[in-house]
Structures are given as C-alpha cells and as structure tokens.
PDB file of N, CA and C in Angstrom:
ATOM      1  N   MET A   1      39.433   6.147 -11.003  1.00  0.00           N
ATOM      2  CA  MET A   1      38.717   5.239 -11.263  1.00  0.00           C
ATOM      3  C   MET A   1      38.040   4.529  -9.892  1.00  0.00           C
ATOM      4  N   MET A   2      38.596   4.265  -8.980  1.00  0.00           N
ATOM      5  CA  MET A   2      38.660   3.836  -7.894  1.00  0.00           C
ATOM      6  C   MET A   2      37.478   4.791  -6.977  1.00  0.00           C
ATOM      7  N   TYR A   3      37.354   6.059  -7.040  1.00  0.00           N
ATOM      8  CA  TYR A   3      36.681   7.180  -6.362  1.00  0.00           C
ATOM      9  C   TYR A   3      35.347   6.890  -6.808  1.00  0.00           C
ATOM     10  N   ILE A   4      35.162   6.624  -8.216  1.00  0.00           N
ATOM     11  CA  ILE A   4      33.763   6.073  -8.851  1.00  0.00           C
ATOM     12  C   ILE A   4      33.218   5.065  -8.453  1.00  0.00           C
ATOM     13  N   ILE A   5      34.129   4.259  -8.313  1.00  0.00           N
ATOM     14  CA  ILE A   5      33.577   2.812  -7.801  1.00  0.00           C
ATOM     15  C   ILE A   5      33.276   2.892  -6.323  1.00  0.00           C
ATOM     16  N   TYR A   6      33.776   3.578  -5.049  1.00  0.00           N
ATOM     17  CA  TYR A   6      33.304   4.075  -4.133  1.00  0.00           C
ATOM     18  C   TYR A   6      32.109   4.642  -3.824  1.00  0.00           C
ATOM     19  N   ARG A   7      32.140   5.888  -4.449  1.00  0.00           N
ATOM     20  CA  ARG A   7      30.650   6.281  -4.730  1.00  0.00           C
ATOM     21  C   ARG A   7      29.811   5.656  -5.160  1.00  0.00           C
ATOM     22  N   GLY A   8      30.055   4.666  -6.262  1.00  0.00           N
ATOM     23  CA  GLY A   8      28.696   3.961  -6.586  1.00  0.00           C
ATOM     24  C   GLY A   8      28.385   2.665  -5.504  1.00  0.00           C
ATOM     25  N   TYR A   9      29.245   2.162  -4.726  1.00  0.00           N
ATOM     26  CA  TYR A   9      29.042   1.178  -3.757  1.00  0.00           C
ATOM     27  C   TYR A   9      28.475   2.252  -2.814  1.00  0.00           C
ATOM     28  N   ARG A  10      28.839   3.167  -2.163  1.00  0.00           N
ATOM     29  CA  ARG A  10      28.218   3.949  -1.162  1.00  0.00           C
ATOM     30  C   ARG A  10      26.888   4.420  -1.433  1.00  0.00           C
ATOM     31  N   GLY A  11      26.584   4.528  -2.681  1.00  0.00           N
ATOM     32  CA  GLY A  11      25.065   5.464  -2.921  1.00  0.00           C
ATOM     33  C   GLY A  11      24.379   4.056  -2.934  1.00  0.00           C
ATOM     34  N   PHE A  12      24.617   3.067  -3.173  1.00  0.00           N
ATOM     35  CA  PHE A  12      23.656   1.698  -3.382  1.00  0.00           C
ATOM     36  C   PHE A  12      23.564   1.039  -2.262  1.00  0.00           C
ATOM     37  N   PHE A  13      24.650   0.928  -1.641  1.00  0.00           N
ATOM     38  CA  PHE A  13      24.544  -0.155  -0.455  1.00  0.00           C
ATOM     39  C   PHE A  13      24.554   0.443   0.971  1.00  0.00           C
ATOM     40  N   VAL A  14      24.836   2.002   1.088  1.00  0.00           N
ATOM     41  CA  VAL A  14      24.680   2.651   2.323  1.00  0.00           C
ATOM     42  C   VAL A  14      23.658   3.597   1.988  1.00  0.00           C
ATOM     43  N   ILE A  15      23.613   4.771   1.246  1.00  0.00           N
ATOM     44  CA  ILE A  15      22.591   5.753   1.079  1.00  0.00           C
ATOM     45  C   ILE A  15      21.385   5.212   0.678  1.00  0.00           C
ATOM     46  N   LEU A  16      21.022   4.638  -0.388  1.00  0.00           N
ATOM     47  CA  LEU A  16      19.778   3.830  -0.872  1.00  0.00           C
ATOM     48  C   LEU A  16      19.087   3.086   0.141  1.00  0.00           C
ATOM     49  N   PRO A  17      19.573   2.150   0.991  1.00  0.00           N
ATOM     50  CA  PRO A  17      18.991   1.641   2.185  1.00  0.00           C
ATOM     51  C   PRO A  17      18.517   2.550   3.156  1.00  0.00           C
ATOM     52  N   ALA A  18      19.443   3.478   3.577  1.00  0.00           N
ATOM     53  CA  ALA A  18      18.760   4.652   4.634  1.00  0.00           C
ATOM     54  C   ALA A  18      17.791   5.178   4.106  1.00  0.00           C
ATOM     55  N   VAL A  19      17.728   5.667   2.824  1.00  0.00           N
ATOM     56  CA  VAL A  19      16.360   6.481   2.352  1.00  0.00           C
ATOM     57  C   VAL A  19      15.259   5.696   2.473  1.00  0.00           C
ATOM     58  N   PHE A  20      15.265   4.441   2.041  1.00  0.00           N
ATOM     59  CA  PHE A  20      14.140   3.331   1.881  1.00  0.00           C
ATOM     60  C   PHE A  20      13.801   3.290   3.771  1.00  0.00           C
ATOM     61  N   ARG A  21      14.822   3.170   4.521  1.00  0.00           N
ATOM     62  CA  ARG A  21      14.494   3.285   5.925  1.00  0.00           C
ATOM     63  C   ARG A  21      13.694   4.303   6.267  1.00  0.00           C
ATOM     64  N   GLU A  22      14.324   5.634   5.837  1.00  0.00           N
ATOM     65  CA  GLU A  22      13.414   6.984   6.463  1.00  0.00           C
ATOM     66  C   GLU A  22      11.950   6.825   5.789  1.00  0.00           C
ATOM     67  N   VAL A  23      11.762   6.330   4.577  1.00  0.00           N
ATOM     68  CA  VAL A  23      10.477   6.608   4.122  1.00  0.00           C
ATOM     69  C   VAL A  23       9.836   5.586   4.796  1.00  0.00           C
ATOM     70  N   TYR A  24      10.167   4.813   5.151  1.00  0.00           N
ATOM     71  CA  TYR A  24       9.228   3.436   5.598  1.00  0.00           C
ATOM     72  C   TYR A  24       8.720   3.952   7.303  1.00  0.00           C
ATOM     73  N   ARG A  25      10.214   4.667   7.868  1.00  0.00           N
ATOM     74  CA  ARG A  25       9.574   5.352   9.196  1.00  0.00           C
ATOM     75  C   ARG A  25       8.481   6.539   8.942  1.00  0.00           C
ATOM     76  N   GLN A  26       8.537   7.270   7.853  1.00  0.00           N
ATOM     77  CA  GLN A  26       7.760   8.395   7.864  1.00  0.00           C
ATOM     78  C   GLN A  26       6.026   8.114   7.485  1.00  0.00           C
ATOM     79  N   LEU A  27       6.221   6.646   6.667  1.00  0.00           N
ATOM     80  CA  LEU A  27       4.971   5.917   6.258  1.00  0.00           C
ATOM     81  C   LEU A  27       4.329   5.556   7.298  1.00  0.00           C
ATOM     82  N   GLU A  28       5.308   5.100   8.460  1.00  0.00           N
ATOM     83  CA  GLU A  28       4.541   4.500   9.629  1.00  0.00           C
ATOM     84  C   GLU A  28       4.007   5.715  10.396  1.00  0.00           C
ATOM     85  N   GLU A  29       4.397   6.671  10.738  1.00  0.00           N
ATOM     86  CA  GLU A  29       4.315   7.773  11.661  1.00  0.00           C
ATOM     87  C   GLU A  29       3.195   8.869  10.855  1.00  0.00           C
ATOM     88  N   SER A  30       3.038   8.572   9.387  1.00  0.00           N
ATOM     89  CA  SER A  30       2.120   9.392   9.062  1.00  0.00           C
ATOM     90  C   SER A  30       0.451   9.145   9.559  1.00  0.00           C
ATOM     91  N   ASP A  31      -0.306  10.290   9.304  1.00  0.00           N
ATOM     92  CA  ASP A  31      -1.659  10.136   9.511  1.00  0.00           C
ATOM     93  C   ASP A  31      -2.462  10.145   8.056  1.00  0.00           C
ATOM     94  N   LEU A  32      -1.900  10.613   7.315  1.00  0.00           N
ATOM     95  CA  LEU A  32      -2.228  11.014   5.852  1.00  0.00           C
ATOM     96  C   LEU A  32      -1.925   9.570   4.949  1.00  0.00           C
ATOM     97  N   VAL A  33      -1.284   8.523   5.300  1.00  0.00           N
ATOM     98  CA  VAL A  33      -1.284   7.695   4.557  1.00  0.00           C
ATOM     99  C   VAL A  33      -2.195   6.478   4.883  1.00  0.00           C
ATOM    100  N   MET A  34      -2.801   5.960   4.090  1.00  0.00           N
ATOM    101  CA  MET A  34      -3.778   4.963   4.595  1.00  0.00           C
ATOM    102  C   MET A  34      -3.429   3.672   3.770  1.00  0.00           C
ATOM    103  N   ASP A  35      -3.803   2.528   4.042  1.00  0.00           N
ATOM    104  CA  ASP A  35      -3.398   1.290   3.701  1.00  0.00           C
ATOM    105  C   ASP A  35      -4.211   0.871   2.794  1.00  0.00           C
ATOM    106  N   ALA A  36      -3.802   1.033   1.502  1.00  0.00           N
ATOM    107  CA  ALA A  36      -4.691   0.530   0.064  1.00  0.00           C
ATOM    108  C   ALA A  36      -5.489  -0.622   0.154  1.00  0.00           C
ATOM    109  N   TYR A  37      -4.926  -1.303   0.563  1.00  0.00           N
ATOM    110  CA  TYR A  37      -5.346  -2.695   0.571  1.00  0.00           C
ATOM    111  C   TYR A  37      -6.014  -3.275   1.844  1.00  0.00           C
ATOM    112  N   GLY A  38      -6.437  -2.505   2.459  1.00  0.00           N
ATOM    113  CA  GLY A  38      -7.130  -2.803   3.901  1.00  0.00           C
ATOM    114  C   GLY A  38      -8.306  -2.446   3.623  1.00  0.00           C
ATOM    115  N   ASP A  39      -9.446  -3.546   4.457  1.00  0.00           N
ATOM    116  CA  ASP A  39     -10.870  -3.124   4.229  1.00  0.00           C
ATOM    117  C   ASP A  39     -11.211  -2.598   5.447  1.00  0.00           C
ATOM    118  N   GLU A  40     -12.002  -1.554   5.067  1.00  0.00           N
ATOM    119  CA  GLU A  40     -12.086  -0.422   6.358  1.00  0.00           C
ATOM    120  C   GLU A  40     -13.485  -1.088   6.883  1.00  0.00           C
ATOM    121  N   GLU A  41     -14.408  -1.855   6.060  1.00  0.00           N
ATOM    122  CA  GLU A  41     -15.636  -2.188   6.789  1.00  0.00           C
ATOM    123  C   GLU A  41     -15.211  -3.501   7.612  1.00  0.00           C
ATOM    124  N   GLU A  42     -14.189  -4.210   7.117  1.00  0.00           N
ATOM    125  CA  GLU A  42     -13.822  -5.256   7.808  1.00  0.00           C
ATOM    126  C   GLU A  42     -13.365  -4.832   9.085  1.00  0.00           C
ATOM    127  N   GLU A  43     -12.751  -4.000   9.211  1.00  0.00           N
ATOM    128  CA  GLU A  43     -12.199  -3.438  10.456  1.00  0.00           C
ATOM    129  C   GLU A  43     -13.040  -3.123  11.499  1.00  0.00           C
ATOM    130  N   VAL A  44     -14.436  -2.011  10.733  1.00  0.00           N
ATOM    131  CA  VAL A  44     -15.388  -1.730  11.720  1.00  0.00           C
ATOM    132  C   VAL A  44     -16.261  -2.831  12.308  1.00  0.00           C
ATOM    133  N   GLU A  45     -16.323  -3.684  11.269  1.00  0.00           N
ATOM    134  CA  GLU A  45     -17.047  -5.189  11.953  1.00  0.00           C
ATOM    135  C   GLU A  45     -16.628  -5.858  13.052  1.00  0.00           C
ATOM    136  N   ASN A  46     -15.144  -5.978  12.827  1.00  0.00           N
ATOM    137  CA  ASN A  46     -14.384  -6.458  14.004  1.00  0.00           C
ATOM    138  C   ASN A  46     -14.022  -5.729  15.101  1.00  0.00           C
ATOM    139  N   GLY A  47     -14.679  -4.426  15.502  1.00  0.00           N
ATOM    140  CA  GLY A  47     -14.322  -3.677  16.399  1.00  0.00           C
ATOM    141  C   GLY A  47     -13.505  -2.744  16.852  1.00  0.00           C
ATOM    142  N   GLY A  48     -12.706  -2.665  15.429  1.00  0.00           N
ATOM    143  CA  GLY A  48     -11.697  -1.663  15.308  1.00  0.00           C
ATOM    144  C   GLY A  48     -11.871  -0.851  14.663  1.00  0.00           C
ATOM    145  N   GLU A  49     -11.328   0.945  15.098  1.00  0.00           N
ATOM    146  CA  GLU A  49     -11.591   1.831  14.503  1.00  0.00           C
ATOM    147  C   GLU A  49     -11.026   2.022  13.303  1.00  0.00           C
ATOM    148  N   VAL A  50     -11.685   2.750  12.614  1.00  0.00           N
ATOM    149  CA  VAL A  50     -10.916   3.044  11.261  1.00  0.00           C
ATOM    150  C   VAL A  50      -9.327   4.221  11.216  1.00  0.00           C
ATOM    151  N   GLY A  51      -9.564   4.924  12.051  1.00  0.00           N
ATOM    152  CA  GLY A  51      -8.734   5.623  12.445  1.00  0.00           C
ATOM    153  C   GLY A  51      -7.414   5.220  13.285  1.00  0.00           C
ATOM    154  N   GLU A  52      -7.526   3.909  13.713  1.00  0.00           N
ATOM    155  CA  GLU A  52      -6.642   3.638  14.842  1.00  0.00           C
ATOM    156  C   GLU A  52      -5.393   3.365  13.856  1.00  0.00           C
ATOM    157  N   LYS A  53      -4.155   3.507  14.986  1.00  0.00           N
ATOM    158  CA  LYS A  53      -2.792   3.223  14.058  1.00  0.00           C
ATOM    159  C   LYS A  53      -2.350   1.649  14.126  1.00  0.00           C
ATOM    160  N   LYS A  54      -2.094   1.243  12.874  1.00  0.00           N
ATOM    161  CA  LYS A  54      -1.747  -0.109  12.603  1.00  0.00           C
ATOM    162  C   LYS A  54      -0.546   0.085  11.688  1.00  0.00           C
ATOM    163  N   PRO A  55       0.384  -1.071  12.342  1.00  0.00           N
ATOM    164  CA  PRO A  55       1.666  -0.974  10.888  1.00  0.00           C
ATOM    165  C   PRO A  55       1.249  -1.449   9.573  1.00  0.00           C
ATOM    166  N   LEU A  56       1.963  -0.996   8.480  1.00  0.00           N
ATOM    167  CA  LEU A  56       1.633  -1.343   7.529  1.00  0.00           C
ATOM    168  C   LEU A  56       1.830  -2.561   6.935  1.00  0.00           C
ATOM    169  N   ARG A  57       0.833  -3.302   6.284  1.00  0.00           N
ATOM    170  CA  ARG A  57       0.932  -4.632   5.997  1.00  0.00           C
ATOM    171  C   ARG A  57       1.971  -4.871   5.206  1.00  0.00           C
ATOM    172  N   LEU A  58       2.350  -6.091   4.955  1.00  0.00           N
ATOM    173  CA  LEU A  58       3.482  -6.717   3.996  1.00  0.00           C
ATOM    174  C   LEU A  58       3.331  -6.372   2.398  1.00  0.00           C
ATOM    175  N   ARG A  59       1.961  -6.417   2.092  1.00  0.00           N
ATOM    176  CA  ARG A  59       1.653  -6.119   0.616  1.00  0.00           C
ATOM    177  C   ARG A  59       1.771  -4.720   0.691  1.00  0.00           C
ATOM    178  N   THR A  60       1.646  -3.569   1.362  1.00  0.00           N
ATOM    179  CA  THR A  60       1.456  -2.395   0.896  1.00  0.00           C
ATOM    180  C   THR A  60       3.204  -1.913   1.368  1.00  0.00           C
ATOM    181  N   ARG A  61       4.414  -2.422   2.099  1.00  0.00           N
ATOM    182  CA  ARG A  61       5.560  -2.511   2.063  1.00  0.00           C
ATOM    183  C   ARG A  61       6.151  -2.932   0.738  1.00  0.00           C
ATOM    184  N   ILE A  62       5.499  -4.191  -0.079  1.00  0.00           N
ATOM    185  CA  ILE A  62       6.361  -4.512  -1.136  1.00  0.00           C
ATOM    186  C   ILE A  62       6.040  -3.698  -2.317  1.00  0.00           C
ATOM    187  N   THR A  63       4.798  -3.141  -2.515  1.00  0.00           N
ATOM    188  CA  THR A  63       4.574  -2.362  -3.265  1.00  0.00           C
ATOM    189  C   THR A  63       5.057  -0.953  -3.246  1.00  0.00           C
ATOM    190  N   THR A  64       5.442  -0.271  -2.008  1.00  0.00           N
ATOM    191  CA  THR A  64       6.205   0.988  -1.856  1.00  0.00           C
ATOM    192  C   THR A  64       7.775   0.606  -2.588  1.00  0.00           C
ATOM    193  N   SER A  65       8.303  -0.746  -2.056  1.00  0.00           N
ATOM    194  CA  SER A  65       9.631  -1.056  -2.515  1.00  0.00           C
ATOM    195  C   SER A  65       9.838  -1.111  -4.166  1.00  0.00           C
ATOM    196  N   ILE A  66       8.673  -1.970  -4.443  1.00  0.00           N
ATOM    197  CA  ILE A  66       8.764  -1.923  -6.323  1.00  0.00           C
ATOM    198  C   ILE A  66       8.638  -0.691  -6.949  1.00  0.00           C
ATOM    199  N   LEU A  67       7.975   0.457  -6.341  1.00  0.00           N
ATOM    200  CA  LEU A  67       7.522   1.593  -6.895  1.00  0.00           C
ATOM    201  C   LEU A  67       8.810   2.345  -6.714  1.00  0.00           C
ATOM    202  N   SER A  68       9.120   2.238  -5.526  1.00  0.00           N
ATOM    203  CA  SER A  68      10.720   3.203  -5.178  1.00  0.00           C
ATOM    204  C   SER A  68      11.994   2.591  -6.267  1.00  0.00           C
ATOM    205  N   SER A  69      11.799   1.384  -6.139  1.00  0.00           N
ATOM    206  CA  SER A  69      13.011   1.104  -6.923  1.00  0.00           C
ATOM    207  C   SER A  69      12.832   1.292  -8.717  1.00  0.00           C
ATOM    208  N   ILE A  70      11.583   1.100  -8.963  1.00  0.00           N
ATOM    209  CA  ILE A  70      11.584   1.539 -10.440  1.00  0.00           C
ATOM    210  C   ILE A  70      11.896   3.067 -10.806  1.00  0.00           C
ATOM    211  N   LEU A  71      11.409   4.225  -9.451  1.00  0.00           N
ATOM    212  CA  LEU A  71      11.909   5.599  -9.454  1.00  0.00           C
ATOM    213  C   LEU A  71      13.239   5.818  -9.486  1.00  0.00           C
ATOM    214  N   THR A  72      14.197   4.693  -8.867  1.00  0.00           N
ATOM    215  CA  THR A  72      15.413   4.988  -8.482  1.00  0.00           C
ATOM    216  C   THR A  72      16.153   4.198  -9.605  1.00  0.00           C
ATOM    217  N   MET A  73      15.872   3.186 -10.433  1.00  0.00           N
ATOM    218  CA  MET A  73      16.260   2.719 -11.694  1.00  0.00           C
ATOM    219  C   MET A  73      16.402   3.708 -12.613  1.00  0.00           C
ATOM    220  N   SER A  74      15.192   4.775 -12.651  1.00  0.00           N
ATOM    221  CA  SER A  74      14.841   5.149 -13.633  1.00  0.00           C
ATOM    222  C   SER A  74      15.755   6.311 -13.904  1.00  0.00           C
ATOM    223  N   TYR A  75      16.181   7.049 -12.347  1.00  0.00           N
ATOM    224  CA  TYR A  75      17.307   8.170 -12.114  1.00  0.00           C
ATOM    225  C   TYR A  75      18.447   7.435 -12.570  1.00  0.00           C
ATOM    226  N   VAL A  76      18.815   6.317 -12.196  1.00  0.00           N
ATOM    227  CA  VAL A  76      20.285   5.726 -12.273  1.00  0.00           C
ATOM    228  C   VAL A  76      20.527   5.529 -13.854  1.00  0.00           C
ATOM    229  N   VAL A  77      19.253   5.690 -15.016  1.00  0.00           N
ATOM    230  CA  VAL A  77      19.531   5.059 -16.147  1.00  0.00           C
ATOM    231  C   VAL A  77      19.928   6.257 -16.884  1.00  0.00           C
ATOM    232  N   SER A  78      18.810   7.608 -16.537  1.00  0.00           N
ATOM    233  CA  SER A  78      19.133   8.607 -16.933  1.00  0.00           C
ATOM    234  C   SER A  78      20.175   9.477 -16.688  1.00  0.00           C
ATOM    235  N   GLY A  79      20.593   9.362 -15.480  1.00  0.00           N
ATOM    236  CA  GLY A  79      21.822   9.744 -15.283  1.00  0.00           C
ATOM    237  C   GLY A  79      23.151   9.275 -16.015  1.00  0.00           C
ATOM    238  N   GLY A  80      23.136   7.815 -16.214  1.00  0.00           N
ATOM    239  CA  GLY A  80      23.948   6.779 -17.241  1.00  0.00           C
ATOM    240  C   GLY A  80      24.164   7.543 -18.691  1.00  0.00           C
ATOM    241  N   ILE A  81      23.045   7.710 -19.273  1.00  0.00           N
ATOM    242  CA  ILE A  81      22.724   8.351 -20.275  1.00  0.00           C
ATOM    243  C   ILE A  81      23.273   9.473 -20.716  1.00  0.00           C
ATOM    244  N   ARG A  82      22.980  10.589 -19.469  1.00  0.00           N
ATOM    245  CA  ARG A  82      23.816  11.894 -19.492  1.00  0.00           C
ATOM    246  C   ARG A  82      25.115  11.781 -19.416  1.00  0.00           C
ATOM    247  N   VAL A  83      25.719  10.608 -18.832  1.00  0.00           N
ATOM    248  CA  VAL A  83      27.226  10.582 -18.513  1.00  0.00           C
ATOM    249  C   VAL A  83      27.799  10.217 -19.755  1.00  0.00           C
ATOM    250  N   LEU A  84      27.075   9.129 -20.309  1.00  0.00           N
ATOM    251  CA  LEU A  84      27.674   8.593 -21.800  1.00  0.00           C
ATOM    252  C   LEU A  84      27.668   9.882 -23.057  1.00  0.00           C
TER     253      LEU A  84
END
C-alpha cells in the first residue's frame, strides 16, 4: 500500500510538473506554434515582424495548462475505472 501511495505522489508532484515544464520549453522554442490570441496586424503596425520570436502570452499558457489538465485527468479517471 505504501508503494502505491509513493508512486501516486511521485507521479503527480514530481513527474507531472516536469512534463509541463518540458512542454512549455518546447512551445517556447518551436517555430510552428503561433500565439492564437496575438493580433498579427497590430504587430505589423507597431513595427514588429510577424515571424519574430516572442515569449508566449499568459493567456496562451493558461489555456495550455487547462487543456493539459483536462487530458491528464481523463487519463487518471479512465485508469482508475480500469483498476476498479
């Protein structure tokens, strides 16, 4: 029983945050991911280029976190149902 508790703790509080950090790092480095909430016309008007590297906006990070959490919870619930 202690082993199961340890694995649950390690999964949620050690591995899962590391996975989220890695996903954010890859999003920051990727050229393929665009900021869905950014206004390209506004950037061009202000003198910035559209292809210019900028950090992800807070709204994009929050959306990514929420969607990742929903996906993770669906995996947890489906795994819990299979165990029971």
